[in-house]
Amino acid sequence: MLFVLVGLCAITVICVTVGKRFGLPYPILMMLASIVLTFIPGFTVPVIDPDLILELFLPPLLFATARNTSWSVFRKRWHLLLAMAVGLTTLTAFLAALTLWWVVPGVTFTLALVAGAAVAPPDPVAVEAVSGSARIPRQIMMLLQSEGLFNDAVAIVIFQTSLAAVEAGRTSISPTIILDFLLGALVAVAVGLMMGYLYRVVDKLTPDVAARVIVSVVTPFAAYLIAEHLHASGVIAVVVAALETNRRARAEDSETRIARSTFWEIANLLVTGIAFGLIGLQMRNVFTGGDDIRSYLVPVTVLVIVLFAVRFLFVLTMGRLIIKTSVRKFVSSAVLLTWSGMRGLATLALALALPEMGKTSSGMDERHLVVVLAASVIFVTLVPTGLTLPWLSRKLVPPQKTRTIAQIAQIVRTSQHAAVKAVEEEFPHDSFADELNNALERRFETLREELKMSEQIDAHDNASSTAAVGEGNNGSDENSISHRTQHYQRMMTVALDAACEAVLHARSDIDVDPELADRVLRILDQRMMVVTRRD
């Protein structure tokens, strides 16, 4: 197994390189490369515990994705979140179940609902990894992210309830499913809030940057496992914990933010690559075991058509009733949202988690039926759609760069005003403050400009020092140079602290895109690192 993981890491690097070169989503390349790997003579596909797939991969990937958003996004789009994550997932699961119940002979409704729940939710990991390379407009991308963070929780509840009905020999599901979901969600939210609070407490007590990064690694796993142990939703617990950790971020933690960001960027790349690699490795086992695969062509084809049709019609209706826009204006976005409904890790894990089951009245193996349907949906919604998504995005909804640039400029202006005000308040009547304010008011255009100003001051001090040497005042002027340099660093620290605080405050604004605020914050953090490390 270790050999396979190392090999998948190496293939991830290759796929990322090829994907960047040709503009293709690397997770798709990763899955295809893994499928090819299974045809190498002597290669043995590893057997993976399905529960382990969810526990190992979902927490860190959900945590990394959720940290890119904020509570303000959910406050602003709560109606869209409920419609997409809860309404659409539930509707898709039941309509897919009705379709299979009608198409596949001898299938009970509860077994069909097991399959419907498994294929219903677009996977947040797949959507984030694949859609990100397609340069989808931010408004659509934020809606996809919001949907993807919670729909797994809904699907898992439907899946578990319908599976329990199948194992009990019932032909209908328990009417308490809604109550079970609500109670599980409430417990999960409490767990997430608790983990977010503990995260902040431990983070403040831990001075070491590396230890703080470890805290951010432990948090999603702890939230997921505790919630699942309490029979609540581990998915919701992880998402809430991630939102809470960002809610009270501190301006002075620049070094920690850079370290965490770098770690999670690397971890997200590797974990996503390995996850899609494992999906590819499992594909051959799915399609080579059990019944004749040709007997599944009709149900797979009909199911995929239903999944795309339901999503498209639902999104169109949502645009008309909730977003209050005309169908004509929203149709391009609806097509893009439909094409981005990719299934992935969660669907595979749910299907593989099925125990050995019996046969339908027509002789089909029930477990193999669900697994093949799930794997087929994953392949169709990932490969052709993922490979064509960048082209489709450019054709249907060209990125609105002007709006993005304008919002970034507004965030930068807010941070600049805060920086100037902080310097003026901290260093009143300071002649040097005027020079620094001039640089701050130019919007921190480049770090080089700020360093250039510092170098000019140092050059001026050195010139004064040289003149003073002839007068025998070398020691005194050296102290003056050191004092002015330290003074400059203190002023820049005050300015950047205030700027970071302003961006963090703007990030929680209901009209600000958190991802754009994070871009500005990352630049400010990098500048803070340069200032604090200057000698």
Protein backbone atom coordinates (compact mmCIF):
# COMPACT_ATOMS: atom_id res chain seq x y z
CA MET A 1 0.00 0.00 0.00
CA LEU A 2 2.88 2.38 0.82
CA PHE A 3 4.35 1.71 -2.63
CA VAL A 4 1.01 2.65 -4.22
CA LEU A 5 0.75 5.90 -2.23
CA VAL A 6 4.29 6.95 -3.16
CA GLY A 7 3.55 6.12 -6.79
CA LEU A 8 0.33 8.17 -6.70
CA CYS A 9 2.25 11.15 -5.26
CA ALA A 10 4.75 10.93 -8.12
CA ILE A 11 1.96 10.65 -10.72
CA THR A 12 0.26 13.67 -9.11
CA VAL A 13 3.34 15.79 -9.82
CA ILE A 14 3.33 14.66 -13.46
CA CYS A 15 -0.41 15.27 -13.86
CA VAL A 16 -0.19 18.73 -12.29
CA THR A 17 2.65 19.63 -14.68
CA VAL A 18 0.78 18.34 -17.74
CA GLY A 19 -2.47 19.96 -16.57
CA LYS A 20 -0.80 23.36 -16.15
CA ARG A 21 0.85 23.04 -19.54
CA PHE A 22 -2.33 22.19 -21.48
CA GLY A 23 -4.98 23.82 -19.25
CA LEU A 24 -6.53 20.53 -18.12
CA PRO A 25 -7.84 19.63 -14.62
CA TYR A 26 -5.16 17.49 -12.99
CA PRO A 27 -7.65 15.37 -10.93
CA ILE A 28 -9.14 14.06 -14.19
CA LEU A 29 -5.68 13.23 -15.53
CA MET A 30 -4.90 11.59 -12.20
CA MET A 31 -7.95 9.32 -12.41
CA LEU A 32 -7.25 8.35 -16.02
CA ALA A 33 -3.59 7.64 -15.26
CA SER A 34 -4.61 5.41 -12.35
CA ILE A 35 -7.02 3.45 -14.53
CA VAL A 36 -4.17 2.82 -16.99
CA LEU A 37 -1.97 1.78 -14.05
CA THR A 38 -4.30 -1.10 -13.23
CA PHE A 39 -3.60 -2.72 -16.63
CA ILE A 40 0.12 -3.13 -15.89
CA PRO A 41 0.84 -6.88 -15.60
CA GLY A 42 1.32 -7.93 -12.00
CA PHE A 43 -0.17 -4.75 -10.54
CA THR A 44 -2.52 -5.47 -7.63
CA VAL A 45 -5.24 -2.96 -6.81
CA PRO A 46 -5.18 -2.31 -3.04
CA VAL A 47 -8.26 -3.11 -0.99
CA ILE A 48 -9.42 0.02 0.87
CA ASP A 49 -11.82 0.27 3.76
CA PRO A 50 -14.61 2.64 2.52
CA ASP A 51 -15.03 4.14 6.00
CA LEU A 52 -11.32 4.93 5.96
CA ILE A 53 -11.73 6.80 2.66
CA LEU A 54 -14.20 9.22 4.20
CA GLU A 55 -12.27 9.61 7.46
CA LEU A 56 -8.90 10.19 5.81
CA PHE A 57 -9.80 12.35 2.84
CA LEU A 58 -13.01 14.27 3.54
CA PRO A 59 -11.95 16.16 6.72
CA PRO A 60 -8.79 17.84 5.38
CA LEU A 61 -10.24 18.57 1.94
CA LEU A 62 -13.50 19.97 3.33
CA PHE A 63 -11.56 22.01 5.88
CA ALA A 64 -9.29 23.50 3.21
CA THR A 65 -12.26 24.34 0.99
CA ALA A 66 -14.39 25.82 3.78
CA ARG A 67 -11.55 28.10 4.92
CA ASN A 68 -11.91 29.93 1.61
CA THR A 69 -15.37 31.14 2.54
CA SER A 70 -16.94 32.85 5.57
CA TRP A 71 -20.09 33.09 7.65
CA SER A 72 -21.06 36.23 5.73
CA VAL A 73 -21.36 34.19 2.53
CA PHE A 74 -23.89 31.90 4.20
CA ARG A 75 -25.77 34.82 5.72
CA LYS A 76 -26.08 36.39 2.27
CA ARG A 77 -26.87 33.19 0.38
CA TRP A 78 -28.67 31.08 2.97
CA HIS A 79 -31.70 30.64 0.70
CA LEU A 80 -29.51 29.46 -2.17
CA LEU A 81 -27.61 27.17 0.19
CA LEU A 82 -30.80 25.52 1.43
CA ALA A 83 -32.15 25.21 -2.10
CA MET A 84 -28.99 23.67 -3.61
CA ALA A 85 -27.49 21.67 -0.74
CA VAL A 86 -30.72 20.40 0.81
CA GLY A 87 -33.49 20.79 -1.76
CA LEU A 88 -31.61 19.77 -4.89
CA THR A 89 -29.75 16.90 -3.22
CA THR A 90 -32.94 15.45 -1.77
CA LEU A 91 -34.88 15.90 -5.01
CA THR A 92 -32.06 14.32 -7.03
CA ALA A 93 -31.83 11.32 -4.70
CA PHE A 94 -35.57 10.58 -4.87
CA LEU A 95 -35.97 11.18 -8.61
CA ALA A 96 -32.92 9.03 -9.32
CA ALA A 97 -34.44 6.34 -7.12
CA LEU A 98 -37.79 6.52 -8.96
CA THR A 99 -35.93 6.27 -12.28
CA LEU A 100 -34.01 3.16 -11.22
CA TRP A 101 -37.14 1.65 -9.68
CA TRP A 102 -38.83 2.04 -13.06
CA VAL A 103 -35.89 1.04 -15.33
CA VAL A 104 -34.27 -1.85 -13.43
CA PRO A 105 -36.50 -4.92 -13.08
CA GLY A 106 -36.96 -6.30 -9.58
CA VAL A 107 -35.37 -3.38 -7.69
CA THR A 108 -37.13 -2.24 -4.54
CA PHE A 109 -37.61 1.47 -3.96
CA THR A 110 -35.40 1.46 -0.86
CA LEU A 111 -32.50 -0.15 -2.77
CA ALA A 112 -33.00 2.36 -5.59
CA LEU A 113 -32.88 5.14 -2.99
CA VAL A 114 -29.57 3.79 -1.70
CA ALA A 115 -28.14 4.24 -5.20
CA GLY A 116 -29.89 7.58 -5.64
CA ALA A 117 -28.44 8.98 -2.42
CA ALA A 118 -24.94 7.82 -3.38
CA VAL A 119 -24.99 9.59 -6.76
CA ALA A 120 -27.00 12.68 -5.71
CA PRO A 121 -24.39 15.08 -4.25
CA PRO A 122 -21.79 16.84 -6.40
CA ASP A 123 -18.54 16.26 -4.57
CA PRO A 124 -17.06 19.47 -3.05
CA VAL A 125 -13.54 18.12 -3.56
CA ALA A 126 -14.18 17.39 -7.25
CA VAL A 127 -15.91 20.70 -7.85
CA GLU A 128 -13.13 22.69 -6.16
CA ALA A 129 -10.30 20.81 -7.84
CA VAL A 130 -11.75 20.65 -11.34
CA SER A 131 -13.76 23.87 -11.52
CA GLY A 132 -10.88 25.93 -10.18
CA SER A 133 -8.84 25.35 -13.33
CA ALA A 134 -11.76 26.42 -15.53
CA ARG A 135 -11.70 30.08 -14.42
CA ILE A 136 -15.41 30.03 -13.63
CA PRO A 137 -16.78 33.47 -12.64
CA ARG A 138 -16.54 34.05 -8.91
CA GLN A 139 -20.31 34.35 -8.35
CA ILE A 140 -20.92 30.91 -9.83
CA MET A 141 -17.88 29.42 -8.12
CA MET A 142 -19.04 30.68 -4.71
CA LEU A 143 -22.44 29.07 -5.28
CA LEU A 144 -20.79 25.76 -6.19
CA GLN A 145 -18.59 25.93 -3.09
CA SER A 146 -21.53 26.73 -0.81
CA GLU A 147 -23.54 23.85 -2.23
CA GLY A 148 -20.65 21.39 -2.05
CA LEU A 149 -19.89 21.98 1.60
CA PHE A 150 -23.21 20.66 2.92
CA ASN A 151 -24.82 18.40 0.33
CA ASP A 152 -22.76 15.39 1.41
CA ALA A 153 -24.37 15.59 4.84
CA VAL A 154 -27.86 15.39 3.31
CA ALA A 155 -26.92 12.51 1.01
CA ILE A 156 -25.30 10.50 3.80
CA VAL A 157 -28.43 10.73 5.98
CA ILE A 158 -30.66 9.56 3.09
CA PHE A 159 -28.15 6.80 2.26
CA GLN A 160 -27.95 5.48 5.82
CA THR A 161 -31.72 5.60 6.34
CA SER A 162 -32.51 3.80 3.09
CA LEU A 163 -29.76 1.22 3.69
CA ALA A 164 -31.22 0.46 7.12
CA ALA A 165 -34.59 -0.08 5.45
CA VAL A 166 -33.05 -2.48 2.91
CA GLU A 167 -31.32 -4.49 5.63
CA ALA A 168 -34.57 -4.66 7.61
CA GLY A 169 -36.47 -5.86 4.55
CA ARG A 170 -38.72 -2.78 4.41
CA THR A 171 -39.93 -1.26 1.15
CA SER A 172 -40.23 2.30 2.52
CA ILE A 173 -38.02 4.60 4.58
CA SER A 174 -38.69 5.89 8.06
CA PRO A 175 -40.70 9.14 8.22
CA THR A 176 -38.36 10.35 10.96
CA ILE A 177 -35.57 10.95 8.42
CA ILE A 178 -36.09 14.74 8.52
CA LEU A 179 -35.99 14.81 12.32
CA ASP A 180 -32.87 12.64 12.33
CA PHE A 181 -31.15 15.01 9.92
CA LEU A 182 -32.05 18.11 11.91
CA LEU A 183 -30.90 16.61 15.21
CA GLY A 184 -27.67 15.39 13.62
CA ALA A 185 -27.08 18.81 12.09
CA LEU A 186 -27.60 20.58 15.42
CA VAL A 187 -25.17 18.28 17.20
CA ALA A 188 -22.66 18.70 14.36
CA VAL A 189 -22.90 22.50 14.55
CA ALA A 190 -22.27 22.34 18.31
CA VAL A 191 -19.24 20.11 17.75
CA GLY A 192 -17.91 22.45 15.05
CA LEU A 193 -18.33 25.52 17.26
CA MET A 194 -16.61 23.74 20.14
CA MET A 195 -13.67 22.71 17.95
CA GLY A 196 -13.42 26.24 16.56
CA TYR A 197 -13.26 27.63 20.09
CA LEU A 198 -10.65 25.09 21.20
CA TYR A 199 -8.67 25.84 18.06
CA ARG A 200 -8.48 29.53 18.95
CA VAL A 201 -7.57 28.85 22.59
CA VAL A 202 -4.76 26.44 21.73
CA ASP A 203 -3.57 28.71 18.93
CA LYS A 204 -3.18 31.64 21.32
CA LEU A 205 -1.35 29.53 23.90
CA THR A 206 1.08 28.05 21.34
CA PRO A 207 3.97 30.36 20.39
CA ASP A 208 5.61 28.00 17.89
CA VAL A 209 4.51 28.42 14.25
CA ALA A 210 5.02 24.74 13.37
CA ALA A 211 2.89 23.69 16.36
CA ARG A 212 0.14 26.05 15.23
CA VAL A 213 0.13 24.43 11.80
CA ILE A 214 -0.25 21.03 13.48
CA VAL A 215 -3.27 22.38 15.38
CA SER A 216 -4.91 23.26 12.04
CA VAL A 217 -4.25 19.69 10.86
CA VAL A 218 -5.72 18.03 13.94
CA THR A 219 -8.86 20.20 14.07
CA PRO A 220 -10.78 18.84 11.02
CA PHE A 221 -10.08 15.21 11.92
CA ALA A 222 -11.13 15.75 15.54
CA ALA A 223 -14.33 17.55 14.52
CA TYR A 224 -15.26 14.81 12.04
CA LEU A 225 -14.54 11.86 14.35
CA ILE A 226 -16.28 13.39 17.39
CA ALA A 227 -19.40 14.23 15.38
CA GLU A 228 -19.55 10.77 13.80
CA HIS A 229 -19.09 9.17 17.23
CA LEU A 230 -22.13 11.14 18.41
CA HIS A 231 -24.07 9.91 15.32
CA ALA A 232 -24.08 13.43 13.90
CA SER A 233 -22.79 14.79 10.60
CA GLY A 234 -19.01 14.87 10.46
CA VAL A 235 -19.22 16.92 7.25
CA ILE A 236 -21.17 19.75 8.89
CA ALA A 237 -18.90 19.68 11.95
CA VAL A 238 -15.77 20.13 9.80
CA VAL A 239 -17.30 22.98 7.80
CA VAL A 240 -18.47 24.84 10.90
CA ALA A 241 -15.07 24.36 12.57
CA ALA A 242 -13.34 25.80 9.49
CA LEU A 243 -15.63 28.84 9.41
CA GLU A 244 -15.07 29.43 13.13
CA THR A 245 -11.28 29.27 12.85
CA ASN A 246 -11.37 32.09 10.31
CA ARG A 247 -13.94 34.21 12.12
CA ARG A 248 -11.57 35.44 14.83
CA ALA A 249 -8.27 35.46 12.94
CA ARG A 250 -5.72 37.91 14.36
CA ALA A 251 -3.88 40.56 12.37
CA GLU A 252 -0.55 39.84 14.07
CA ASP A 253 -0.45 36.18 12.97
CA SER A 254 1.09 36.90 9.56
CA GLU A 255 3.85 34.31 9.84
CA THR A 256 1.43 31.61 11.00
CA ARG A 257 -1.02 32.38 8.19
CA ILE A 258 1.70 32.08 5.57
CA ALA A 259 2.92 28.79 7.06
CA ARG A 260 -0.60 27.36 7.22
CA SER A 261 -1.46 28.54 3.73
CA THR A 262 1.67 26.95 2.30
CA PHE A 263 1.08 23.69 4.16
CA TRP A 264 -2.56 23.40 3.14
CA GLU A 265 -1.75 24.22 -0.48
CA ILE A 266 0.71 21.32 -0.59
CA ALA A 267 -1.53 18.99 1.43
CA ASN A 268 -4.57 19.80 -0.70
CA LEU A 269 -2.61 19.02 -3.86
CA LEU A 270 -1.34 15.66 -2.61
CA VAL A 271 -4.52 14.51 -0.89
CA THR A 272 -6.67 15.44 -3.90
CA GLY A 273 -4.26 13.66 -6.24
CA ILE A 274 -4.19 10.51 -4.11
CA ALA A 275 -7.99 10.57 -3.68
CA PHE A 276 -8.66 10.72 -7.42
CA GLY A 277 -5.91 8.18 -7.98
CA LEU A 278 -7.69 5.76 -5.65
CA ILE A 279 -10.95 6.37 -7.50
CA GLY A 280 -9.20 5.40 -10.73
CA LEU A 281 -7.68 2.30 -9.14
CA GLN A 282 -11.08 1.10 -7.99
CA MET A 283 -12.71 1.54 -11.40
CA ARG A 284 -11.31 -1.63 -12.94
CA ASN A 285 -12.42 -3.77 -9.98
CA VAL A 286 -15.90 -2.30 -10.29
CA PHE A 287 -16.28 -3.03 -13.98
CA THR A 288 -14.57 -6.44 -14.06
CA GLY A 289 -16.40 -8.17 -11.23
CA GLY A 290 -19.89 -9.56 -10.99
CA ASP A 291 -22.44 -9.49 -13.76
CA ASP A 292 -22.06 -8.72 -17.45
CA ILE A 293 -21.42 -4.98 -17.63
CA ARG A 294 -23.58 -4.66 -20.75
CA SER A 295 -26.67 -5.34 -18.65
CA TYR A 296 -26.04 -2.02 -16.87
CA LEU A 297 -25.80 0.20 -19.96
CA VAL A 298 -29.48 1.14 -20.06
CA PRO A 299 -29.89 2.02 -16.36
CA VAL A 300 -26.57 3.93 -16.35
CA THR A 301 -27.51 5.95 -19.44
CA VAL A 302 -30.97 6.81 -18.17
CA LEU A 303 -29.64 7.66 -14.71
CA VAL A 304 -27.00 10.07 -16.04
CA ILE A 305 -29.56 11.82 -18.24
CA VAL A 306 -31.92 12.21 -15.28
CA LEU A 307 -29.15 13.62 -13.06
CA PHE A 308 -28.20 16.29 -15.60
CA ALA A 309 -31.84 17.13 -16.43
CA VAL A 310 -32.94 17.46 -12.80
CA ARG A 311 -29.99 19.72 -11.95
CA PHE A 312 -30.50 21.94 -15.00
CA LEU A 313 -34.25 22.38 -14.48
CA PHE A 314 -33.82 22.98 -10.75
CA VAL A 315 -31.15 25.65 -11.30
CA LEU A 316 -33.30 27.38 -13.92
CA THR A 317 -36.27 27.40 -11.54
CA MET A 318 -34.07 28.67 -8.72
CA GLY A 319 -32.83 31.51 -10.91
CA ARG A 320 -36.39 32.55 -11.69
CA LEU A 321 -37.86 32.26 -8.19
CA ILE A 322 -34.97 32.96 -5.82
CA ILE A 323 -32.47 35.07 -7.73
CA LYS A 324 -35.33 36.92 -9.48
CA THR A 325 -33.75 36.93 -12.93
CA SER A 326 -35.15 36.03 -16.33
CA VAL A 327 -34.66 32.53 -17.69
CA ARG A 328 -32.90 33.92 -20.78
CA LYS A 329 -30.28 35.74 -18.69
CA PHE A 330 -29.73 32.80 -16.38
CA VAL A 331 -29.61 29.97 -18.92
CA SER A 332 -25.83 30.23 -19.53
CA SER A 333 -25.11 30.15 -15.80
CA ALA A 334 -27.56 27.24 -15.42
CA VAL A 335 -25.71 25.22 -18.06
CA LEU A 336 -22.40 25.95 -16.35
CA LEU A 337 -23.77 25.03 -12.91
CA THR A 338 -25.18 21.81 -14.35
CA TRP A 339 -21.94 20.89 -16.12
CA SER A 340 -20.04 21.51 -12.86
CA GLY A 341 -22.11 18.96 -10.92
CA MET A 342 -19.30 16.43 -10.64
CA ARG A 343 -19.43 13.36 -8.45
CA GLY A 344 -16.31 11.98 -6.82
CA LEU A 345 -14.90 10.78 -3.53
CA ALA A 346 -18.09 10.79 -1.45
CA THR A 347 -20.08 8.88 -4.08
CA LEU A 348 -17.41 6.19 -4.40
CA ALA A 349 -16.99 5.84 -0.62
CA LEU A 350 -20.75 5.48 -0.03
CA ALA A 351 -21.10 2.84 -2.75
CA LEU A 352 -18.11 0.83 -1.52
CA ALA A 353 -19.41 1.06 2.05
CA LEU A 354 -22.33 -1.21 1.16
CA PRO A 355 -22.23 -4.63 2.83
CA GLU A 356 -22.78 -7.86 0.93
CA MET A 357 -26.42 -7.95 -0.14
CA GLY A 358 -28.78 -10.29 -1.92
CA LYS A 359 -30.04 -10.32 -5.48
CA THR A 360 -32.95 -8.56 -7.11
CA SER A 361 -35.91 -10.61 -8.32
CA SER A 362 -34.38 -10.42 -11.80
CA GLY A 363 -31.12 -11.97 -10.58
CA MET A 364 -28.88 -8.87 -10.38
CA ASP A 365 -26.45 -8.61 -7.47
CA GLU A 366 -27.78 -5.66 -5.45
CA ARG A 367 -24.44 -4.42 -4.14
CA HIS A 368 -22.72 -4.67 -7.50
CA LEU A 369 -25.62 -2.82 -9.14
CA VAL A 370 -25.19 0.18 -6.82
CA VAL A 371 -21.40 0.18 -7.12
CA VAL A 372 -21.44 0.05 -10.93
CA LEU A 373 -24.05 2.80 -11.12
CA ALA A 374 -22.01 5.00 -8.75
CA ALA A 375 -18.72 4.38 -10.59
CA SER A 376 -20.34 5.07 -13.96
CA VAL A 377 -21.81 8.35 -12.75
CA ILE A 378 -18.41 9.38 -11.34
CA PHE A 379 -16.70 8.65 -14.65
CA VAL A 380 -19.28 10.43 -16.83
CA THR A 381 -19.62 13.51 -14.60
CA LEU A 382 -15.86 13.85 -14.12
CA VAL A 383 -14.08 12.98 -17.34
CA PRO A 384 -16.07 14.41 -20.28
CA THR A 385 -17.51 17.29 -18.26
CA GLY A 386 -14.26 18.06 -16.46
CA LEU A 387 -12.20 18.09 -19.65
CA THR A 388 -14.68 20.33 -21.48
CA LEU A 389 -15.50 22.65 -18.57
CA PRO A 390 -12.71 25.21 -19.25
CA TRP A 391 -13.83 25.59 -22.88
CA LEU A 392 -17.52 25.75 -21.92
CA SER A 393 -16.84 28.37 -19.25
CA ARG A 394 -15.04 30.62 -21.72
CA LYS A 395 -17.84 30.30 -24.28
CA LEU A 396 -20.85 30.72 -22.00
CA VAL A 397 -19.87 33.08 -19.22
CA PRO A 398 -16.65 35.03 -19.82
CA PRO A 399 -14.98 35.97 -16.51
CA GLN A 400 -15.96 39.45 -15.31
CA LYS A 401 -12.50 40.72 -14.54
CA THR A 402 -13.64 44.31 -14.06
CA ARG A 403 -15.83 43.42 -11.08
CA THR A 404 -13.08 41.35 -9.49
CA ILE A 405 -10.46 44.07 -9.94
CA ALA A 406 -12.83 46.70 -8.57
CA GLN A 407 -13.52 44.70 -5.41
CA ILE A 408 -9.82 43.99 -4.86
CA ALA A 409 -9.11 47.71 -5.29
CA GLN A 410 -11.78 48.54 -2.72
CA ILE A 411 -10.29 46.09 -0.20
CA VAL A 412 -6.82 47.54 -0.80
CA ARG A 413 -8.10 51.10 -0.33
CA THR A 414 -9.73 50.08 2.95
CA SER A 415 -6.49 48.56 4.19
CA GLN A 416 -4.49 51.62 3.11
CA HIS A 417 -6.76 54.04 4.93
CA ALA A 418 -6.51 51.93 8.06
CA ALA A 419 -2.71 51.84 7.78
CA VAL A 420 -2.38 55.61 7.34
CA LYS A 421 -4.72 56.30 10.25
CA ALA A 422 -2.84 53.91 12.52
CA VAL A 423 0.51 55.53 11.72
CA GLU A 424 -0.86 59.02 12.30
CA GLU A 425 -2.34 58.00 15.65
CA GLU A 426 0.71 56.04 16.82
CA PHE A 427 3.33 58.56 15.67
CA PRO A 428 1.79 62.07 15.83
CA HIS A 429 3.95 65.00 14.70
CA ASP A 430 6.57 62.61 13.31
CA SER A 431 8.30 64.09 10.21
CA PHE A 432 9.13 60.61 8.97
CA ALA A 433 5.42 59.67 9.07
CA ASP A 434 4.73 61.94 6.08
CA GLU A 435 7.14 59.98 3.90
CA LEU A 436 5.61 56.68 4.95
CA ASN A 437 2.07 57.96 4.45
CA ASN A 438 2.90 58.92 0.89
CA ALA A 439 3.92 55.33 0.19
CA LEU A 440 0.82 53.93 1.91
CA GLU A 441 -1.46 56.25 -0.03
CA ARG A 442 -0.07 54.88 -3.29
CA ARG A 443 -1.92 51.66 -2.40
CA PHE A 444 1.16 49.60 -1.54
CA GLU A 445 1.61 49.12 -5.29
CA THR A 446 4.70 46.99 -4.84
CA LEU A 447 6.85 45.81 -2.01
CA ARG A 448 9.84 47.06 -3.97
CA GLU A 449 8.60 50.64 -3.63
CA GLU A 450 8.42 50.40 0.12
CA LEU A 451 11.85 48.81 0.35
CA LYS A 452 13.18 51.41 -2.07
CA MET A 453 11.98 54.12 0.30
CA SER A 454 13.75 52.39 3.15
CA GLU A 455 16.94 52.08 1.11
CA GLN A 456 16.81 55.77 0.22
CA ILE A 457 16.54 56.65 3.88
CA ASP A 458 19.45 54.36 4.69
CA ALA A 459 21.46 55.92 1.85
CA HIS A 460 20.70 59.39 3.23
CA ASP A 461 21.74 58.28 6.71
CA ASN A 462 24.93 56.72 5.32
CA ALA A 463 25.78 59.95 3.51
CA SER A 464 25.27 61.90 6.73
CA SER A 465 27.35 59.34 8.55
CA THR A 466 30.19 59.69 6.05
CA ALA A 467 30.20 63.46 6.45
CA ALA A 468 30.09 63.11 10.20
CA VAL A 469 33.04 60.73 10.25
CA GLY A 470 35.27 63.59 9.20
CA GLU A 471 34.01 65.46 12.23
CA GLY A 472 34.66 62.57 14.57
CA ASN A 473 31.01 61.67 15.31
CA ASN A 474 31.01 58.13 13.90
CA GLY A 475 29.67 56.30 16.96
CA SER A 476 26.85 58.74 17.54
CA ASP A 477 25.65 58.63 13.93
CA GLU A 478 25.78 54.83 13.80
CA ASN A 479 23.40 54.81 16.73
CA SER A 480 21.25 57.33 14.85
CA ILE A 481 21.13 55.09 11.78
CA SER A 482 20.16 52.08 13.88
CA HIS A 483 17.55 54.10 15.71
CA ARG A 484 15.98 55.40 12.47
CA THR A 485 15.94 51.92 10.93
CA GLN A 486 14.20 50.47 13.99
CA HIS A 487 11.84 53.42 13.96
CA TYR A 488 10.99 52.72 10.32
CA GLN A 489 10.34 49.06 11.10
CA ARG A 490 8.04 49.94 14.01
CA MET A 491 6.06 52.33 11.84
CA MET A 492 5.73 49.80 9.04
CA THR A 493 4.67 47.13 11.54
CA VAL A 494 1.96 49.41 12.92
CA ALA A 495 0.80 50.24 9.39
CA LEU A 496 0.69 46.63 8.19
CA ASP A 497 -0.99 45.42 11.40
CA ALA A 498 -3.73 47.97 10.86
CA ALA A 499 -4.02 47.02 7.19
CA CYS A 500 -4.34 43.31 8.03
CA GLU A 501 -6.95 44.09 10.69
CA ALA A 502 -8.95 46.09 8.15
CA VAL A 503 -8.84 43.28 5.57
CA LEU A 504 -9.88 40.68 8.17
CA HIS A 505 -12.79 42.92 9.12
CA ALA A 506 -13.71 43.41 5.44
CA ARG A 507 -13.56 39.64 4.92
CA SER A 508 -16.56 39.22 7.21
CA ASP A 509 -18.53 41.86 5.29
CA ILE A 510 -21.57 40.38 3.57
CA ASP A 511 -20.71 42.08 0.24
CA VAL A 512 -17.03 41.07 0.12
CA ASP A 513 -15.77 37.93 -1.59
CA PRO A 514 -13.63 36.12 1.04
CA GLU A 515 -11.32 34.69 -1.59
CA LEU A 516 -10.45 38.16 -2.89
CA ALA A 517 -9.86 39.43 0.64
CA ASP A 518 -7.53 36.48 1.23
CA ARG A 519 -5.48 37.49 -1.82
CA VAL A 520 -4.88 40.96 -0.37
CA LEU A 521 -4.23 39.55 3.10
CA ARG A 522 -1.61 37.14 1.79
CA ILE A 523 0.33 40.00 0.17
CA LEU A 524 0.17 42.03 3.37
CA ASP A 525 1.35 39.03 5.39
CA GLN A 526 4.31 38.59 3.06
CA ARG A 527 5.24 42.24 3.47
CA MET A 528 4.95 41.96 7.22
CA MET A 529 7.40 39.06 7.12
CA VAL A 530 9.89 41.16 5.17
CA VAL A 531 9.60 44.11 7.55
CA THR A 532 9.87 42.09 10.76
CA ARG A 533 12.88 40.14 9.48
CA ARG A 534 14.88 43.14 8.26
CA ASP A 535 17.97 43.72 10.29
